[in-house]
Structure formats: structure tokens, C-alpha cells
Protein backbone atom coordinates (compact mmCIF):
# COMPACT_ATOMS: atom_id res chain seq x y z
CA MET A 1 -22.64 26.87 41.57
CA ALA A 2 -25.84 24.95 40.85
CA ASP A 3 -27.53 22.98 43.62
CA LYS A 4 -26.71 19.26 43.43
CA LYS A 5 -30.33 18.15 43.74
CA ALA A 6 -31.56 20.64 41.14
CA ASP A 7 -28.79 19.51 38.78
CA LEU A 8 -29.92 15.87 38.60
CA ALA A 9 -32.22 16.36 35.61
CA GLY A 10 -32.65 18.80 32.77
CA PRO A 11 -30.21 20.51 30.41
CA GLY A 12 -28.39 22.64 32.96
CA ILE A 13 -29.57 25.90 31.39
CA GLY A 14 -32.58 27.44 33.06
CA ASN A 15 -33.57 30.50 31.03
CA TYR A 16 -32.92 32.29 27.74
CA GLU A 17 -30.85 35.05 29.29
CA GLU A 18 -28.40 32.38 30.37
CA LEU A 19 -28.59 30.62 27.00
CA GLU A 20 -27.77 33.88 25.25
CA GLN A 21 -24.52 34.00 27.21
CA VAL A 22 -23.79 30.34 26.48
CA LEU A 23 -24.16 30.32 22.69
CA PRO A 24 -20.92 31.10 20.81
CA THR A 25 -20.35 34.63 19.56
CA ASP A 26 -17.82 33.72 16.85
CA TYR A 27 -19.83 31.07 15.02
CA HIS A 28 -20.27 30.59 11.29
CA SER A 29 -21.57 27.34 9.83
CA LEU A 30 -19.01 25.45 7.76
CA LEU A 31 -21.77 24.08 5.50
CA ASN A 32 -24.75 25.83 3.96
CA PRO A 33 -28.25 24.37 4.51
CA LYS A 34 -28.20 22.25 1.32
CA GLU A 35 -24.72 20.88 2.06
CA THR A 36 -25.79 20.24 5.64
CA GLN A 37 -28.64 17.99 4.51
CA LYS A 38 -26.36 16.03 2.19
CA ALA A 39 -23.76 15.58 4.93
CA LEU A 40 -26.43 14.67 7.47
CA PHE A 41 -27.80 11.83 5.36
CA ALA A 42 -24.29 10.62 4.51
CA ALA A 43 -23.58 10.36 8.25
CA LYS A 44 -26.94 8.70 8.87
CA GLN A 45 -26.37 6.01 6.26
CA TYR A 46 -22.82 5.34 7.45
CA ILE A 47 -23.80 5.05 11.13
CA GLU A 48 -26.81 2.83 10.52
CA GLU A 49 -24.93 0.44 8.22
CA ASN A 50 -21.92 0.16 10.48
CA LEU A 51 -23.84 -0.18 13.74
CA CYS A 52 -25.63 -3.13 12.17
CA LYS A 53 -22.31 -4.70 11.20
CA ALA A 54 -20.57 -3.99 14.50
CA LEU A 55 -23.35 -5.27 16.79
CA ASN A 56 -25.17 -7.73 14.48
CA LEU A 57 -28.36 -5.67 14.34
CA MET A 58 -31.19 -5.54 11.82
CA PRO A 59 -33.47 -2.54 11.20
CA VAL A 60 -37.08 -2.90 12.38
CA THR A 61 -40.11 -0.64 12.51
CA VAL A 62 -40.82 1.18 15.76
CA PRO A 63 -44.02 2.64 17.26
CA LEU A 64 -44.79 6.32 17.62
CA ILE A 65 -47.67 5.58 20.01
CA VAL A 66 -48.16 2.83 22.59
CA ASP A 67 -50.96 1.59 24.83
CA ARG A 68 -50.86 3.44 28.14
CA GLU A 69 -51.53 0.23 30.10
CA SER A 70 -48.65 -1.71 28.52
CA GLY A 71 -45.96 -0.09 30.65
CA VAL A 72 -43.53 0.10 27.72
CA ASN A 73 -43.28 3.88 27.47
CA ASP A 74 -40.10 5.48 28.74
CA TYR A 75 -40.47 7.90 31.66
CA LEU A 76 -36.82 9.02 31.27
CA ASP A 77 -36.22 9.44 35.00
CA ARG A 78 -37.82 8.39 38.26
CA ASP A 79 -39.16 11.60 39.78
CA GLY A 80 -42.23 11.90 37.57
CA SER A 81 -41.19 15.25 36.10
CA ARG A 82 -41.31 14.16 32.44
CA THR A 83 -44.64 12.73 31.50
CA PRO A 84 -45.71 11.54 28.04
CA ILE A 85 -48.41 13.08 25.88
CA GLU A 86 -51.61 11.08 26.25
CA PHE A 87 -54.79 10.91 24.23
CA HIS A 88 -57.97 8.85 24.03
CA ILE A 89 -58.87 6.86 20.92
CA SER A 90 -62.65 6.47 21.10
CA ASN A 91 -62.69 3.63 18.50
CA ASP A 92 -65.97 1.94 17.63
CA TYR A 93 -68.10 4.58 19.38
CA ASN A 94 -66.10 4.05 22.59
CA GLN A 95 -67.02 0.37 22.76
CA HIS A 96 -63.38 -0.69 22.29
CA PRO A 97 -61.36 2.41 23.19
CA ILE A 98 -57.63 2.75 23.70
CA ASP A 99 -55.79 5.22 25.92
CA ALA A 100 -52.58 5.89 24.04
CA GLN A 101 -49.30 7.68 24.73
CA VAL A 102 -46.78 9.22 22.37
CA VAL A 103 -43.46 7.49 23.04
CA GLN A 104 -40.69 9.39 24.81
CA ALA A 105 -38.22 6.68 23.76
CA ALA A 106 -38.46 3.06 22.63
CA THR A 107 -36.24 1.85 25.46
CA LYS A 108 -38.55 -0.80 26.88
CA TRP A 109 -40.46 -1.56 23.70
CA LYS A 110 -37.25 -2.82 22.05
CA ARG A 111 -36.76 -5.52 24.63
CA VAL A 112 -40.25 -6.84 23.96
CA ALA A 113 -39.49 -6.58 20.23
CA LEU A 114 -36.52 -8.94 20.58
CA LYS A 115 -39.05 -11.66 21.34
CA GLN A 116 -41.54 -10.44 18.74
CA PHE A 117 -38.90 -10.70 16.01
CA ASP A 118 -37.50 -13.98 17.38
CA MET A 119 -33.96 -12.69 17.93
CA GLU A 120 -31.40 -15.25 19.04
CA VAL A 121 -28.56 -14.58 21.51
CA GLY A 122 -26.07 -12.31 19.74
CA GLU A 123 -28.71 -10.87 17.42
CA GLY A 124 -30.37 -7.51 17.82
CA LEU A 125 -32.39 -4.73 16.29
CA ILE A 126 -32.04 -1.05 15.50
CA THR A 127 -34.81 1.49 15.00
CA ASP A 128 -35.11 4.94 13.47
CA MET A 129 -37.00 6.19 16.50
CA ARG A 130 -39.01 9.42 16.69
CA ALA A 131 -40.46 10.69 19.96
CA VAL A 132 -41.90 13.74 21.71
CA ARG A 133 -40.68 14.99 25.07
CA LYS A 134 -42.82 17.93 26.05
CA ASP A 135 -41.19 18.71 29.42
CA TYR A 136 -37.71 19.72 28.28
CA PHE A 137 -36.47 23.30 28.41
CA LEU A 138 -35.77 24.07 24.75
CA ASP A 139 -32.17 25.20 24.45
CA HIS A 140 -29.31 24.58 22.00
CA ASP A 141 -29.22 20.77 22.39
CA HIS A 142 -32.66 19.86 23.81
CA SER A 143 -35.84 19.88 21.75
CA ALA A 144 -39.39 18.59 22.14
CA TYR A 145 -38.84 16.41 19.05
CA VAL A 146 -36.38 13.57 19.58
CA ASP A 147 -34.75 11.28 17.02
CA GLN A 148 -32.59 8.36 18.10
CA TRP A 149 -31.00 5.20 16.85
CA ASP A 150 -32.59 2.98 19.47
CA TRP A 151 -30.89 -0.44 19.46
CA GLU A 152 -31.19 -3.62 21.52
CA LEU A 153 -29.11 -6.82 21.56
CA ARG A 154 -30.06 -10.16 23.09
CA ILE A 155 -27.51 -11.49 25.59
CA THR A 156 -27.02 -14.28 28.14
CA GLU A 157 -26.87 -14.05 31.92
CA ASP A 158 -23.09 -14.55 31.73
CA GLN A 159 -22.78 -11.42 29.57
CA ARG A 160 -24.38 -9.19 32.17
CA ASN A 161 -21.04 -7.71 33.25
CA LEU A 162 -18.87 -4.62 32.92
CA ASP A 163 -16.45 -6.16 30.43
CA PHE A 164 -19.22 -6.98 27.97
CA LEU A 165 -20.71 -3.49 28.32
CA THR A 166 -17.30 -1.92 27.76
CA ASN A 167 -16.70 -3.95 24.61
CA VAL A 168 -20.06 -2.86 23.16
CA VAL A 169 -19.32 0.80 23.97
CA LYS A 170 -15.97 0.57 22.18
CA LYS A 171 -17.66 -0.81 19.07
CA ILE A 172 -20.17 2.05 19.06
CA TRP A 173 -17.44 4.63 19.50
CA LYS A 174 -15.51 3.15 16.57
CA VAL A 175 -18.59 3.65 14.38
CA LEU A 176 -19.05 7.26 15.51
CA LYS A 177 -15.39 8.01 14.95
CA GLY A 178 -15.60 6.40 11.54
CA ALA A 179 -18.57 8.58 10.68
CA GLU A 180 -16.51 11.67 11.46
CA VAL A 181 -13.79 10.53 9.07
CA HIS A 182 -16.40 9.67 6.43
CA VAL A 183 -18.19 13.03 6.39
CA GLN A 184 -14.94 14.97 6.46
CA GLU A 185 -13.74 13.07 3.41
CA LEU A 186 -16.98 13.92 1.60
CA PHE A 187 -17.10 17.51 2.85
CA PRO A 188 -13.53 18.81 3.34
CA ALA A 189 -14.75 22.08 4.87
CA LEU A 190 -15.53 20.07 8.02
CA GLY A 191 -11.82 19.42 8.47
CA ASN A 192 -11.37 22.97 9.73
CA SER A 193 -8.41 23.13 12.13
CA LYS A 194 -10.44 25.37 14.43
CA TYR A 195 -12.26 22.29 15.72
CA PRO A 196 -10.18 19.30 16.89
CA LYS A 197 -11.15 15.81 15.80
CA LEU A 198 -12.67 13.26 18.14
CA PRO A 199 -10.09 11.11 19.97
CA GLU A 200 -9.53 7.58 18.70
CA GLU A 201 -10.38 6.05 22.08
CA LEU A 202 -12.83 6.76 24.88
CA THR A 203 -11.78 7.15 28.50
CA PHE A 204 -13.86 4.95 30.84
CA LEU A 205 -14.64 6.31 34.31
CA HIS A 206 -17.18 5.47 36.99
CA ALA A 207 -19.49 8.20 38.23
CA GLU A 208 -18.05 7.60 41.70
CA GLU A 209 -14.52 8.25 40.45
CA ILE A 210 -15.57 11.56 38.88
CA LEU A 211 -17.26 12.57 42.14
CA GLU A 212 -14.04 11.80 44.02
CA ARG A 213 -12.19 14.17 41.69
CA PHE A 214 -14.75 16.97 42.06
CA PRO A 215 -16.68 16.33 45.30
CA ASP A 216 -18.20 19.79 45.62
CA LEU A 217 -19.47 20.17 42.06
CA PRO A 218 -22.95 19.20 40.80
CA ARG A 219 -22.89 16.46 38.19
CA LYS A 220 -23.05 18.61 35.02
CA GLN A 221 -20.21 20.74 36.31
CA ARG A 222 -18.28 17.56 37.18
CA GLU A 223 -18.80 16.33 33.63
CA THR A 224 -17.63 19.66 32.24
CA ALA A 225 -14.53 19.57 34.43
CA ILE A 226 -13.53 16.00 33.55
CA LEU A 227 -14.03 16.67 29.84
CA GLN A 228 -11.30 19.29 30.01
CA GLU A 229 -8.91 16.44 30.76
CA TYR A 230 -10.52 13.69 28.68
CA PRO A 231 -12.51 15.07 25.71
CA ALA A 232 -14.48 11.83 25.17
CA ILE A 233 -15.61 9.66 28.08
CA PHE A 234 -17.95 6.86 29.05
CA ILE A 235 -19.39 7.25 32.55
CA TYR A 236 -20.35 3.99 34.29
CA GLY A 237 -22.96 3.67 37.00
CA ILE A 238 -25.64 6.26 36.31
CA GLY A 239 -28.55 5.87 38.72
CA TRP A 240 -26.89 4.44 41.83
CA THR A 241 -26.68 6.77 44.83
CA LEU A 242 -23.08 7.99 45.13
CA ALA A 243 -21.00 8.89 48.18
CA ASP A 244 -22.48 12.41 48.39
CA GLY A 245 -26.01 11.01 48.72
CA TYR A 246 -27.13 11.76 45.16
CA PRO A 247 -27.19 9.62 42.00
CA HIS A 248 -25.21 10.95 39.06
CA GLU A 249 -28.57 11.28 37.30
CA MET A 250 -32.17 10.24 37.98
CA ARG A 251 -32.09 7.24 35.64
CA ALA A 252 -35.39 5.33 35.51
CA ALA A 253 -35.59 2.14 37.53
CA ASP A 254 -37.12 -0.28 35.04
CA TYR A 255 -34.71 -0.58 32.11
CA ASP A 256 -30.99 0.01 32.81
CA ASP A 257 -29.39 -2.02 35.60
CA TRP A 258 -27.69 0.52 37.85
CA VAL A 259 -27.81 -1.52 41.06
CA SER A 260 -25.62 -4.56 40.27
CA GLU A 261 -22.30 -4.64 42.08
CA THR A 262 -19.15 -4.15 40.02
CA ARG A 263 -15.49 -3.43 40.68
CA SER A 264 -13.34 -0.48 39.67
CA LYS A 265 -10.03 -1.04 37.92
CA ASP A 266 -8.25 -0.83 41.27
CA GLY A 267 -10.65 -3.32 42.90
CA ARG A 268 -13.03 -1.03 44.79
CA PRO A 269 -16.74 -1.89 44.99
CA MET A 270 -18.92 0.06 42.57
CA HIS A 271 -22.43 -0.28 41.14
CA GLY A 272 -24.04 -0.14 37.73
CA LEU A 273 -23.98 -1.88 34.36
CA ASN A 274 -24.90 1.19 32.37
CA GLY A 275 -23.58 4.58 31.34
CA ASP A 276 -23.36 7.52 28.93
CA ILE A 277 -20.94 8.66 26.22
CA LEU A 278 -20.13 12.35 26.59
CA VAL A 279 -17.74 14.49 24.58
CA TRP A 280 -16.44 18.02 24.69
CA ASN A 281 -18.11 20.00 21.91
CA PRO A 282 -15.56 22.52 20.57
CA VAL A 283 -18.26 24.56 18.82
CA THR A 284 -20.55 25.14 21.80
CA ARG A 285 -17.67 24.76 24.28
CA ARG A 286 -19.91 22.63 26.46
CA ARG A 287 -20.45 19.02 27.53
CA HIS A 288 -22.28 17.08 24.84
CA GLU A 289 -24.11 13.82 25.54
CA LEU A 290 -24.36 11.46 22.57
CA THR A 291 -25.82 8.25 23.91
CA SER A 292 -27.10 6.40 26.97
CA MET A 293 -26.99 2.62 27.19
CA GLY A 294 -26.88 -0.27 29.58
CA VAL A 295 -27.33 -3.90 30.42
CA ARG A 296 -31.05 -4.19 31.11
CA VAL A 297 -32.55 -5.25 34.43
CA ASN A 298 -33.30 -8.87 35.19
CA LYS A 299 -36.14 -9.81 37.54
CA GLN A 300 -33.96 -9.48 40.65
CA THR A 301 -32.55 -6.06 39.86
CA LEU A 302 -35.89 -4.79 38.54
CA LYS A 303 -37.55 -5.49 41.88
CA LYS A 304 -34.65 -4.03 43.84
CA GLN A 305 -34.55 -0.81 41.82
CA LEU A 306 -38.31 -0.30 41.92
CA GLU A 307 -38.23 -0.83 45.67
CA MET A 308 -35.47 1.76 46.02
CA THR A 309 -37.49 4.29 43.99
CA ASN A 310 -40.84 3.52 45.65
CA GLN A 311 -42.35 2.33 42.36
CA LEU A 312 -43.21 -1.29 43.11
CA HIS A 313 -46.70 -0.71 41.67
CA PHE A 314 -45.05 -0.82 38.22
CA LEU A 315 -44.73 -4.57 38.70
CA ASP A 316 -48.42 -4.95 37.85
CA MET A 317 -47.86 -3.73 34.27
CA PRO A 318 -47.52 -6.23 31.39
CA TYR A 319 -43.94 -5.22 30.52
CA HIS A 320 -42.73 -5.66 34.08
CA GLN A 321 -44.64 -8.93 34.48
CA ALA A 322 -42.91 -10.21 31.36
CA ILE A 323 -39.51 -9.61 32.98
CA LEU A 324 -40.56 -11.25 36.24
CA ASN A 325 -41.87 -14.31 34.37
CA ASP A 326 -38.84 -14.66 32.04
CA GLU A 327 -41.05 -14.02 29.02
CA ILE A 328 -38.73 -11.55 27.28
CA PRO A 329 -34.99 -11.91 26.67
CA LEU A 330 -32.11 -10.52 28.67
CA SER A 331 -30.55 -7.70 26.71
CA ILE A 332 -28.27 -4.72 26.43
CA GLY A 333 -29.40 -1.62 24.60
CA GLY A 334 -29.29 2.10 24.23
CA GLY A 335 -30.28 5.20 22.32
CA ILE A 336 -27.91 7.33 20.24
CA GLY A 337 -29.21 10.84 19.63
CA GLN A 338 -29.32 11.42 15.90
CA ALA A 339 -29.58 15.21 15.88
CA ARG A 340 -27.02 15.42 18.69
CA THR A 341 -24.61 13.30 16.63
CA TYR A 342 -25.16 15.33 13.44
CA MET A 343 -24.69 18.52 15.43
CA LEU A 344 -21.31 17.28 16.62
CA LEU A 345 -20.08 15.74 13.33
CA LEU A 346 -21.18 18.71 11.22
CA GLN A 347 -19.86 21.21 13.77
CA LYS A 348 -23.12 23.02 14.39
CA ALA A 349 -23.97 25.32 17.28
CA HIS A 350 -27.63 24.34 17.56
CA LEU A 351 -29.87 21.29 17.12
CA GLY A 352 -32.19 23.38 15.00
CA GLU A 353 -29.59 23.48 12.23
CA VAL A 354 -29.95 19.71 11.69
CA SER A 355 -33.49 19.02 12.93
CA VAL A 356 -36.84 20.56 12.01
CA THR A 357 -39.04 21.14 15.04
CA VAL A 358 -40.67 23.96 17.02
CA TRP A 359 -38.72 26.64 18.86
CA PRO A 360 -39.94 29.74 20.70
CA GLN A 361 -39.49 33.03 18.88
CA LYS A 362 -37.22 34.20 21.71
CA LEU A 363 -34.76 31.41 20.94
CA LYS A 364 -34.91 31.97 17.18
CA ASP A 365 -34.16 35.67 17.69
CA ILE A 366 -31.18 34.92 19.93
CA CYS A 367 -29.82 32.45 17.38
CA ALA A 368 -30.26 34.81 14.43
CA GLU A 369 -28.22 37.48 16.20
CA LYS A 370 -25.38 34.97 16.54
CA ASP A 371 -25.46 33.80 12.90
CA ILE A 372 -27.22 30.57 13.88
CA PHE A 373 -30.20 29.92 11.61
CA VAL A 374 -32.53 27.17 12.71
CA LEU A 375 -34.65 25.20 10.28
CA GLU A 376 -38.44 25.68 10.21
């Protein structure tokens, strides 16, 4: 059993010997590389169009690099273990230089963009985001190159509640389920009875409820266990410290609101206006995270969360000042992993079959032996 503290971040696979045991031994792609690309872009078009319809979003451009001093880059967690790539732009013989960072996600930038694009309440944006995360262990569903549908929707203070979050999650799930139907109609080979279809509905559970079911298991093992019972779930409350003294995950303190008090279905006090969609992947036979999302912090919860994580110095940054001074809208938003979604819908065993990036030769050799051929 993995240590609970060590299990809070990362993919849950620590070395390539372990990965070799994890990857399926009976795998054969249902689509060839050319068919895969056609199916991938059919899914992409369907998801983008229908997310816009379901959530009233419009596509906007998104940065690949941001100013280091802006505070809008995503640090992914709160322990400082995943740092962005940085570089110096000398510009004008270093008279007007810029220290830039490659984005790790557009999580915070999108909230600023709601104001930039003059979005009204009930309107939002969606981006075709590309990022680099250099500190991941590169396995079957983690890569250094990240593509996401990053979306953000402007809301009111009254909509900062669990019911509103739940309704948005259901709309997103309906789009993802519809994409599965769409690609299987276009590519009948994907309807293989070997792999069950996604359920029509998600099961909603709080991280605290899952811990109660499996108190001795680290969080990834808890997720694996609960997915045996419910193959598609949304986990509320990711970031708040649970009854065992650990958060479900080290969610960063300056975008999702994981501190606000909520109530469980049976009336018990809980915390968190955010969460993740996870499914059971029948190809890899592992937990498979598709998307993280949440109601964003307001000025009260931002300060409280930064205090809890000993990061109050962030409040000096322009992004955080904008929240404190009510200069950017209240919002809900999230990121849906594109390659992760294609991997699931097209029934692939590895991200490299749907995404072109860098992989170590060791991983490529392991995959080739198992009839998994990654793109280069």
C-alpha cells in the first residue's frame, strides 16, 4: 500500500518497471493511426461545439507564455513540486525585459479574460489550451505536453453553491457521453463489446464519503476502489483536509474554492465547491481522470486558503489583488484533458497514441512490446 502523504500528488506510478506491469498485455488498437486522427478530430469538433451550447461559451485565444510577475500561471498544487519553465526575454537590449513563464494551465488567466472580453453573467469562454508540465513522471496518461479545453463561466454570488456546480458537471458529462455516441456512430469498430460504454449518469460523492468507505487506503487506491462500484464519478471537495488529516489532493489555494462549507445529502457538514470527474478505463483497467473544475475563490476564501497553505505572499501579485479589489468577475471553470478524453473515447492504452510529444526510449520500448505504438 502506498503512503498517504506520498500519494497526494503525481500519477501513482513511480518507475517503468511498475508501468510495464500496469500496461495491458492483451491490447490491440481498434483504429489504425489514420482512422485515429479522423476520429480524434470528430470528437474534438463535437465536444467543442456542444460545450459552447451547453454552457453558453465562446472560443477565445489563449496564451502559451505569461509574465512571471502577473501571478496568473497555474502551479497545479500547493507544495511547490511542479514549477513552470521560465525564460528571460532581453527585449530592447535589456532596457525593457520580460521574465516569462510557459503556462502549466490557463486556470487563472481565464478569469481575468472574462473581464477582458466583457463577459456578462451567464456568458463564458473556452480555449484550446496548450501547456508544458516538466515535473510529471511520464507514464501512460501523463505527459510533459498538455492539451485541455479550459473553460470559464461568469456567475453571481448566489450561484456559488453545490447545486449550481452539480448542474454544470451534469451538462459537461452529457457532452462527453454524447461524444462517445458520436464517434462510435462514425467508427463502428469502437463499439466493440469488449469495452463497456460510459454510464448515462455520473455518481456524485464527496471526498470525505469515499474516505469513510476506505479509511485505510491512500486516495488513488480509494478512487480505484470506488470506481469498481460506480464506473463514473464526480468527487466533491478536493483540497480540504479530510478526517484522516490529509486533503484528497494538494489542490492549489488560489483558484478553486475548497474551503467553503457545504452539506452532504444526509445533512452532514462538508467543505468544497470543486471536484473531479473520474471514470474506470476498461482498456488500461485503471482510474482515469478527465477533468477538474470548481467554483472559483472570492476574496474571503482566497485569503483563508492562502493562510492555510502559508502562501499569503501571493496576495501581492496582480491577479490576487484583482480578486481582493473585486476587479475580475466571480466565476466557475475547469479544464478537460483533451488527450485523456480521446484516449478514453477511442479506447487507447496510451496518451502517445493520440498526442505527439516526447517520451523516453525506455517507455517507447515497453509500449512496442505490448503492441502500443506511440506517435512521434
